Amino acid sequence: MQLTFIFYIFAAFIVIPGTFFILAMFNKFLAAGIASLGMLVLFILFGLQFFTVDGNYVQQTTPINWPPSVNYCPDYLSLLKISDGSFVCVDTVGVANGGSSTLQYYNPNNSVTGTPTPNESQKFNLHLDISDDTQRTSAIVNDCKTKGLTFEGIYDGLKTYNNTVPRIPNA
């Protein structure tokens, strides 16, 4: 049993009756009872969340990456896993225009075969074969420049930022 658990139980024994007695002093007995029951439920739920049966604090087993990666593709492109198991970004809304080598629109519903695979002019390369993050970022930024795309936190159409492009887990 850890000291944090003992402090948590001590805080519960102070807060729950304290809430009841303060509200009871103002003749709000119904509010005192409801507030005390609510505090009891909250302490139980948070106690179950943060402590084990033995009273030990629950430690996070895997570290949380911050800031979280929301998108692995440039802005408004969609991540697609193709039939060979690799990942590519495709333009499913038609935003890639204005560059010297525009990315063509990809419609997964216009496929004769059952598995829609984009052709080379519809794929945005994620450069997963490059292991160095700096070289990979510069390659992706160059592709964004030629295709007229932006990538939030990486390239805004004018300026390149020093952030690294997130990698797809298990890719």
C-alpha atoms as a PDB file:
ATOM      1  CA  MET A   1       0.000   0.000   0.000  1.00  0.00           C
ATOM      2  CA  GLN A   2       1.418   3.344  -1.026  1.00  0.00           C
ATOM      3  CA  LEU A   3       1.326   6.677   0.706  1.00  0.00           C
ATOM      4  CA  THR A   4      -0.734   8.182  -2.133  1.00  0.00           C
ATOM      5  CA  PHE A   5      -3.512   5.663  -1.484  1.00  0.00           C
ATOM      6  CA  ILE A   6      -3.497   6.474   2.233  1.00  0.00           C
ATOM      7  CA  PHE A   7      -3.688  10.188   1.417  1.00  0.00           C
ATOM      8  CA  TYR A   8      -6.554   9.488  -1.014  1.00  0.00           C
ATOM      9  CA  ILE A   9      -8.554   7.613   1.668  1.00  0.00           C
ATOM     10  CA  PHE A  10      -7.798  10.378   4.187  1.00  0.00           C
ATOM     11  CA  ALA A  11      -9.030  13.020   1.703  1.00  0.00           C
ATOM     12  CA  ALA A  12     -12.233  11.026   1.153  1.00  0.00           C
ATOM     13  CA  PHE A  13     -12.838  10.858   4.935  1.00  0.00           C
ATOM     14  CA  ILE A  14     -12.432  14.649   5.150  1.00  0.00           C
ATOM     15  CA  VAL A  15     -14.312  15.740   1.996  1.00  0.00           C
ATOM     16  CA  ILE A  16     -17.407  13.516   2.164  1.00  0.00           C
ATOM     17  CA  PRO A  17     -18.454  14.237   5.776  1.00  0.00           C
ATOM     18  CA  GLY A  18     -17.246  17.822   5.429  1.00  0.00           C
ATOM     19  CA  THR A  19     -19.590  18.347   2.495  1.00  0.00           C
ATOM     20  CA  PHE A  20     -22.454  16.875   4.491  1.00  0.00           C
ATOM     21  CA  PHE A  21     -21.820  18.976   7.610  1.00  0.00           C
ATOM     22  CA  ILE A  22     -21.319  22.262   5.763  1.00  0.00           C
ATOM     23  CA  LEU A  23     -24.568  21.864   3.853  1.00  0.00           C
ATOM     24  CA  ALA A  24     -26.365  20.604   6.985  1.00  0.00           C
ATOM     25  CA  MET A  25     -25.310  23.750   8.856  1.00  0.00           C
ATOM     26  CA  PHE A  26     -27.414  25.714   6.361  1.00  0.00           C
ATOM     27  CA  ASN A  27     -30.376  23.347   6.907  1.00  0.00           C
ATOM     28  CA  LYS A  28     -29.957  21.826   3.409  1.00  0.00           C
ATOM     29  CA  PHE A  29     -30.241  18.207   4.515  1.00  0.00           C
ATOM     30  CA  LEU A  30     -31.455  16.816   1.190  1.00  0.00           C
ATOM     31  CA  ALA A  31     -28.674  18.622  -0.675  1.00  0.00           C
ATOM     32  CA  ALA A  32     -26.181  17.404   1.940  1.00  0.00           C
ATOM     33  CA  GLY A  33     -27.242  13.792   1.457  1.00  0.00           C
ATOM     34  CA  ILE A  34     -27.209  13.990  -2.349  1.00  0.00           C
ATOM     35  CA  ALA A  35     -23.841  15.803  -2.428  1.00  0.00           C
ATOM     36  CA  SER A  36     -22.296  13.311   0.005  1.00  0.00           C
ATOM     37  CA  LEU A  37     -23.512  10.334  -2.015  1.00  0.00           C
ATOM     38  CA  GLY A  38     -22.212  11.969  -5.185  1.00  0.00           C
ATOM     39  CA  MET A  39     -18.824  12.597  -3.607  1.00  0.00           C
ATOM     40  CA  LEU A  40     -18.714   9.002  -2.372  1.00  0.00           C
ATOM     41  CA  VAL A  41     -19.426   7.707  -5.888  1.00  0.00           C
ATOM     42  CA  LEU A  42     -16.759  10.005  -7.366  1.00  0.00           C
ATOM     43  CA  PHE A  43     -14.153   8.919  -4.838  1.00  0.00           C
ATOM     44  CA  ILE A  44     -14.942   5.253  -5.511  1.00  0.00           C
ATOM     45  CA  LEU A  45     -14.800   5.643  -9.309  1.00  0.00           C
ATOM     46  CA  PHE A  46     -11.561   7.617  -9.262  1.00  0.00           C
ATOM     47  CA  GLY A  47     -10.114   5.222  -6.678  1.00  0.00           C
ATOM     48  CA  LEU A  48     -10.826   2.285  -8.969  1.00  0.00           C
ATOM     49  CA  GLN A  49      -9.268   4.179 -11.859  1.00  0.00           C
ATOM     50  CA  PHE A  50      -6.055   5.234 -10.130  1.00  0.00           C
ATOM     51  CA  PHE A  51      -5.334   2.437  -7.624  1.00  0.00           C
ATOM     52  CA  THR A  52      -5.042  -1.359  -7.742  1.00  0.00           C
ATOM     53  CA  VAL A  53      -6.661  -3.742  -5.253  1.00  0.00           C
ATOM     54  CA  ASP A  54      -3.462  -3.700  -3.184  1.00  0.00           C
ATOM     55  CA  GLY A  55      -3.552   0.100  -2.916  1.00  0.00           C
ATOM     56  CA  ASN A  56      -0.720   0.694  -5.363  1.00  0.00           C
ATOM     57  CA  TYR A  57      -0.888   3.537  -7.849  1.00  0.00           C
ATOM     58  CA  VAL A  58      -1.594   2.350 -11.407  1.00  0.00           C
ATOM     59  CA  GLN A  59       1.439   3.172 -13.534  1.00  0.00           C
ATOM     60  CA  GLN A  60       1.171   3.809 -17.271  1.00  0.00           C
ATOM     61  CA  THR A  61       2.911   0.848 -18.961  1.00  0.00           C
ATOM     62  CA  THR A  62       3.413   2.457 -22.366  1.00  0.00           C
ATOM     63  CA  PRO A  63       4.607   6.037 -22.618  1.00  0.00           C
ATOM     64  CA  ILE A  64       2.231   8.514 -24.182  1.00  0.00           C
ATOM     65  CA  ASN A  65       3.685  10.300 -27.192  1.00  0.00           C
ATOM     66  CA  TRP A  66       3.115  14.034 -27.133  1.00  0.00           C
ATOM     67  CA  PRO A  67       2.039  15.840 -29.172  1.00  0.00           C
ATOM     68  CA  PRO A  68      -0.297  13.206 -30.563  1.00  0.00           C
ATOM     69  CA  SER A  69      -0.123  12.411 -34.255  1.00  0.00           C
ATOM     70  CA  VAL A  70      -3.463  13.036 -35.872  1.00  0.00           C
ATOM     71  CA  ASN A  71      -2.665  12.704 -39.535  1.00  0.00           C
ATOM     72  CA  TYR A  72       0.071  10.813 -41.317  1.00  0.00           C
ATOM     73  CA  CYS A  73      -0.727  12.463 -44.652  1.00  0.00           C
ATOM     74  CA  PRO A  74      -0.633  16.037 -45.932  1.00  0.00           C
ATOM     75  CA  ASP A  75      -3.736  18.158 -45.347  1.00  0.00           C
ATOM     76  CA  TYR A  76      -6.985  16.719 -46.751  1.00  0.00           C
ATOM     77  CA  LEU A  77      -5.360  13.558 -48.094  1.00  0.00           C
ATOM     78  CA  SER A  78      -6.486  10.141 -46.872  1.00  0.00           C
ATOM     79  CA  LEU A  79      -4.290   7.291 -45.728  1.00  0.00           C
ATOM     80  CA  LEU A  80      -4.903   4.126 -47.745  1.00  0.00           C
ATOM     81  CA  LYS A  81      -3.513   0.650 -47.245  1.00  0.00           C
ATOM     82  CA  ILE A  82      -3.159  -0.920 -50.665  1.00  0.00           C
ATOM     83  CA  SER A  83      -3.181  -4.582 -51.620  1.00  0.00           C
ATOM     84  CA  ASP A  84       0.581  -5.135 -51.218  1.00  0.00           C
ATOM     85  CA  GLY A  85       0.351  -4.011 -47.564  1.00  0.00           C
ATOM     86  CA  SER A  86       2.027  -0.642 -48.018  1.00  0.00           C
ATOM     87  CA  PHE A  87       0.512   2.709 -47.155  1.00  0.00           C
ATOM     88  CA  VAL A  88      -0.019   5.663 -49.499  1.00  0.00           C
ATOM     89  CA  CYS A  89      -1.851   8.957 -49.272  1.00  0.00           C
ATOM     90  CA  VAL A  90      -4.526   9.676 -51.857  1.00  0.00           C
ATOM     91  CA  ASP A  91      -6.616  12.729 -52.709  1.00  0.00           C
ATOM     92  CA  THR A  92     -10.267  11.735 -52.278  1.00  0.00           C
ATOM     93  CA  VAL A  93     -11.684  15.274 -52.225  1.00  0.00           C
ATOM     94  CA  GLY A  94      -9.775  16.962 -55.069  1.00  0.00           C
ATOM     95  CA  VAL A  95      -7.599  19.443 -53.172  1.00  0.00           C
ATOM     96  CA  ALA A  96      -4.261  18.776 -54.852  1.00  0.00           C
ATOM     97  CA  ASN A  97      -3.962  21.447 -57.489  1.00  0.00           C
ATOM     98  CA  GLY A  98      -1.695  24.321 -58.305  1.00  0.00           C
ATOM     99  CA  GLY A  99       1.589  22.455 -58.250  1.00  0.00           C
ATOM    100  CA  SER A 100       3.746  21.602 -61.235  1.00  0.00           C
ATOM    101  CA  SER A 101       3.000  17.884 -60.751  1.00  0.00           C
ATOM    102  CA  THR A 102      -0.573  17.759 -59.487  1.00  0.00           C
ATOM    103  CA  LEU A 103      -1.799  14.720 -57.624  1.00  0.00           C
ATOM    104  CA  GLN A 104      -4.781  13.223 -59.443  1.00  0.00           C
ATOM    105  CA  TYR A 105      -8.150  12.689 -57.777  1.00  0.00           C
ATOM    106  CA  TYR A 106      -8.738   9.159 -56.462  1.00  0.00           C
ATOM    107  CA  ASN A 107     -12.225   7.661 -56.313  1.00  0.00           C
ATOM    108  CA  PRO A 108     -12.249   4.211 -54.656  1.00  0.00           C
ATOM    109  CA  ASN A 109     -15.746   3.483 -55.997  1.00  0.00           C
ATOM    110  CA  ASN A 110     -14.600   3.559 -59.656  1.00  0.00           C
ATOM    111  CA  SER A 111     -12.770   0.275 -59.452  1.00  0.00           C
ATOM    112  CA  VAL A 112     -13.410  -2.610 -61.817  1.00  0.00           C
ATOM    113  CA  THR A 113     -11.563  -5.018 -59.549  1.00  0.00           C
ATOM    114  CA  GLY A 114     -12.786  -5.583 -56.021  1.00  0.00           C
ATOM    115  CA  THR A 115      -9.730  -3.961 -54.438  1.00  0.00           C
ATOM    116  CA  PRO A 116      -9.232  -0.381 -55.566  1.00  0.00           C
ATOM    117  CA  THR A 117      -5.538   0.330 -56.063  1.00  0.00           C
ATOM    118  CA  PRO A 118      -4.536   3.853 -57.069  1.00  0.00           C
ATOM    119  CA  ASN A 119      -2.195   4.357 -60.013  1.00  0.00           C
ATOM    120  CA  GLU A 120       1.138   6.166 -59.616  1.00  0.00           C
ATOM    121  CA  SER A 121      -0.290   9.595 -60.474  1.00  0.00           C
ATOM    122  CA  GLN A 122      -2.834   9.230 -57.635  1.00  0.00           C
ATOM    123  CA  LYS A 123      -0.353   8.260 -54.895  1.00  0.00           C
ATOM    124  CA  PHE A 124       1.488  10.581 -52.540  1.00  0.00           C
ATOM    125  CA  ASN A 125       4.669   8.845 -51.452  1.00  0.00           C
ATOM    126  CA  LEU A 126       5.217   8.753 -47.672  1.00  0.00           C
ATOM    127  CA  HIS A 127       8.913   7.841 -48.114  1.00  0.00           C
ATOM    128  CA  LEU A 128       8.723   5.130 -45.453  1.00  0.00           C
ATOM    129  CA  ASP A 129      11.927   3.612 -46.865  1.00  0.00           C
ATOM    130  CA  ILE A 130      13.990   6.584 -45.623  1.00  0.00           C
ATOM    131  CA  SER A 131      15.108   5.944 -42.035  1.00  0.00           C
ATOM    132  CA  ASP A 132      16.595   9.401 -41.298  1.00  0.00           C
ATOM    133  CA  ASP A 133      13.781  11.705 -40.136  1.00  0.00           C
ATOM    134  CA  THR A 134      15.410  14.877 -41.499  1.00  0.00           C
ATOM    135  CA  GLN A 135      15.901  13.420 -44.983  1.00  0.00           C
ATOM    136  CA  ARG A 136      12.398  11.943 -44.944  1.00  0.00           C
ATOM    137  CA  THR A 137      10.862  15.279 -43.942  1.00  0.00           C
ATOM    138  CA  SER A 138      12.724  17.134 -46.678  1.00  0.00           C
ATOM    139  CA  ALA A 139      11.633  14.541 -49.282  1.00  0.00           C
ATOM    140  CA  ILE A 140       7.986  14.861 -48.210  1.00  0.00           C
ATOM    141  CA  VAL A 141       8.208  18.673 -48.189  1.00  0.00           C
ATOM    142  CA  ASN A 142       9.639  18.593 -51.727  1.00  0.00           C
ATOM    143  CA  ASP A 143       6.747  16.374 -52.830  1.00  0.00           C
ATOM    144  CA  CYS A 144       4.295  18.794 -51.177  1.00  0.00           C
ATOM    145  CA  LYS A 145       5.881  21.705 -53.069  1.00  0.00           C
ATOM    146  CA  THR A 146       5.662  19.969 -56.438  1.00  0.00           C
ATOM    147  CA  LYS A 147       2.101  18.790 -55.887  1.00  0.00           C
ATOM    148  CA  GLY A 148       0.800  22.043 -54.383  1.00  0.00           C
ATOM    149  CA  LEU A 149      -0.043  20.602 -50.956  1.00  0.00           C
ATOM    150  CA  THR A 150       0.333  21.710 -47.347  1.00  0.00           C
ATOM    151  CA  PHE A 151       1.106  19.541 -44.334  1.00  0.00           C
ATOM    152  CA  GLU A 152       0.064  20.951 -40.953  1.00  0.00           C
ATOM    153  CA  GLY A 153       3.085  21.470 -38.731  1.00  0.00           C
ATOM    154  CA  ILE A 154       5.497  20.416 -41.493  1.00  0.00           C
ATOM    155  CA  TYR A 155       4.966  22.709 -44.500  1.00  0.00           C
ATOM    156  CA  ASP A 156       2.441  25.543 -44.833  1.00  0.00           C
ATOM    157  CA  GLY A 157       2.892  26.250 -48.539  1.00  0.00           C
ATOM    158  CA  LEU A 158       5.593  28.863 -47.938  1.00  0.00           C
ATOM    159  CA  LYS A 159       7.666  27.818 -44.961  1.00  0.00           C
ATOM    160  CA  THR A 160       9.084  24.503 -43.767  1.00  0.00           C
ATOM    161  CA  TYR A 161       8.945  23.800 -40.024  1.00  0.00           C
ATOM    162  CA  ASN A 162      11.423  21.703 -38.024  1.00  0.00           C
ATOM    163  CA  ASN A 163       8.854  19.108 -36.930  1.00  0.00           C
ATOM    164  CA  THR A 164       9.269  15.488 -37.959  1.00  0.00           C
ATOM    165  CA  VAL A 165       6.685  13.720 -40.061  1.00  0.00           C
ATOM    166  CA  PRO A 166       4.948  11.029 -37.988  1.00  0.00           C
ATOM    167  CA  ARG A 167       5.566   7.425 -38.924  1.00  0.00           C
ATOM    168  CA  ILE A 168       2.777   4.913 -39.313  1.00  0.00           C
ATOM    169  CA  PRO A 169       2.967   2.302 -36.523  1.00  0.00           C
ATOM    170  CA  ASN A 170       3.709  -1.202 -37.784  1.00  0.00           C
ATOM    171  CA  ALA A 171       4.445  -0.002 -41.318  1.00  0.00           C
END
